[in-house]
């Protein structure tokens, strides 16, 4: 079953697909600004041609993703992530669309030598 993204709410569509037992979240052509997006079990995130998942340039838009296996911080000394999955299985990111993490637009967003 396909779950369209309404009003730019990518995470809400992922949550709805997961609650329904799984499905495909479809980003139609357009720009979808976001912070951390949590992929969940049995959900495919599909970026159609012309769709762009656009990472925010503000560090505060990203959650601190805590995973016990990584200890206090991930290997790159940051807990921030654009796309993440915690205790999830059967996930996919597909399609010809674009994921733009906006790293090149954030030259001054450093913390402990790590760019956000």
Protein backbone atom coordinates (compact mmCIF):
# COMPACT_ATOMS: atom_id res chain seq x y z
CA UNK A 1 0.00 0.00 0.00
CA UNK A 2 1.26 3.48 -0.86
CA UNK A 3 1.21 6.29 1.69
CA UNK A 4 1.53 9.73 0.09
CA UNK A 5 3.33 12.48 1.96
CA UNK A 6 0.83 15.22 2.79
CA UNK A 7 1.82 18.78 3.69
CA UNK A 8 5.51 17.83 3.66
CA UNK A 9 5.09 15.58 6.72
CA UNK A 10 7.50 12.77 5.80
CA UNK A 11 7.77 11.33 9.32
CA UNK A 12 3.99 11.26 9.77
CA UNK A 13 3.60 9.22 6.56
CA UNK A 14 6.34 6.79 7.70
CA UNK A 15 4.65 6.40 11.08
CA UNK A 16 1.26 5.76 9.40
CA UNK A 17 2.76 3.13 7.08
CA UNK A 18 4.46 1.40 9.99
CA UNK A 19 1.27 1.44 12.09
CA UNK A 20 -0.58 -0.19 9.17
CA UNK A 21 1.95 -3.03 9.11
CA UNK A 22 4.12 -1.55 6.37
CA UNK A 23 3.97 0.04 2.99
CA UNK A 24 5.62 2.48 0.64
CA UNK A 25 5.89 6.16 1.53
CA UNK A 26 5.98 8.09 -1.73
CA UNK A 27 7.55 11.50 -2.14
CA UNK A 28 6.17 13.06 -5.32
CA UNK A 29 8.18 15.73 -7.17
CA UNK A 30 8.97 18.63 -4.86
CA UNK A 31 11.24 19.63 -2.00
CA UNK A 32 10.69 18.11 1.44
CA UNK A 33 12.63 20.03 4.13
CA UNK A 34 13.35 17.95 7.21
CA UNK A 35 15.51 17.20 10.19
CA UNK A 36 15.98 13.63 11.43
CA UNK A 37 13.78 11.09 9.62
CA UNK A 38 13.28 7.75 11.37
CA UNK A 39 12.83 4.80 9.02
CA UNK A 40 10.64 2.10 10.53
CA UNK A 41 10.10 -1.61 10.02
CA UNK A 42 8.43 -2.76 6.82
CA UNK A 43 8.46 0.72 5.28
CA UNK A 44 9.98 1.75 1.96
CA UNK A 45 10.77 5.43 1.48
CA UNK A 46 10.41 6.05 -2.26
CA UNK A 47 11.68 9.29 -3.82
CA UNK A 48 10.05 9.80 -7.20
CA UNK A 49 11.93 11.59 -9.99
CA UNK A 50 12.04 15.26 -9.07
CA UNK A 51 11.57 14.66 -5.33
CA UNK A 52 14.23 15.99 -2.96
CA UNK A 53 14.52 15.14 0.72
CA UNK A 54 16.25 18.33 1.87
CA UNK A 55 18.21 18.26 5.10
CA UNK A 56 17.90 21.31 7.29
CA UNK A 57 20.86 23.63 7.75
CA UNK A 58 20.01 24.03 11.47
CA UNK A 59 21.58 21.50 13.87
CA UNK A 60 18.64 21.88 16.25
CA UNK A 61 16.39 20.26 13.63
CA UNK A 62 18.23 16.97 14.12
CA UNK A 63 17.65 14.59 17.02
CA UNK A 64 20.43 13.08 19.08
CA UNK A 65 20.06 9.47 17.98
CA UNK A 66 21.03 7.20 20.85
CA UNK A 67 21.93 3.59 20.09
CA UNK A 68 23.34 1.53 22.95
CA UNK A 69 25.75 -0.36 20.69
CA UNK A 70 27.50 2.90 19.74
CA UNK A 71 28.10 4.07 23.29
CA UNK A 72 28.09 7.77 24.12
CA UNK A 73 28.68 8.90 20.53
CA UNK A 74 28.77 7.38 17.09
CA UNK A 75 32.16 6.82 15.41
CA UNK A 76 32.09 10.28 13.81
CA UNK A 77 31.60 11.93 17.24
CA UNK A 78 28.02 12.96 16.49
CA UNK A 79 24.58 11.59 17.28
CA UNK A 80 22.93 13.70 14.57
CA UNK A 81 21.51 11.98 11.48
CA UNK A 82 19.30 12.88 8.53
CA UNK A 83 18.10 9.30 7.98
CA UNK A 84 18.24 6.73 10.74
CA UNK A 85 16.61 3.51 11.85
CA UNK A 86 16.65 2.09 15.37
CA UNK A 87 15.60 -1.52 15.94
CA UNK A 88 14.02 -1.64 12.48
CA UNK A 89 14.00 -4.35 9.83
CA UNK A 90 12.90 -4.69 6.24
CA UNK A 91 13.46 -1.03 5.34
CA UNK A 92 14.44 0.55 2.03
CA UNK A 93 15.10 3.89 0.41
CA UNK A 94 14.38 3.71 -3.31
CA UNK A 95 13.74 5.78 -6.41
CA UNK A 96 15.53 8.25 -8.65
CA UNK A 97 14.90 11.25 -6.37
CA UNK A 98 17.56 13.10 -4.40
CA UNK A 99 18.64 13.13 -0.77
CA UNK A 100 20.47 16.37 -0.03
CA UNK A 101 22.03 16.52 3.41
CA UNK A 102 22.88 20.22 2.99
CA UNK A 103 26.40 19.73 4.37
CA UNK A 104 27.93 22.16 1.89
CA UNK A 105 25.58 24.93 3.06
CA UNK A 106 26.60 24.61 6.73
CA UNK A 107 30.31 25.47 6.84
CA UNK A 108 29.98 27.11 10.25
CA UNK A 109 27.95 24.39 11.92
CA UNK A 110 30.75 22.55 13.68
CA UNK A 111 30.80 20.91 17.07
CA UNK A 112 33.90 19.07 18.23
CA UNK A 113 35.26 19.09 14.68
CA UNK A 114 32.16 17.49 13.15
CA UNK A 115 30.05 19.28 10.57
CA UNK A 116 26.27 19.24 10.92
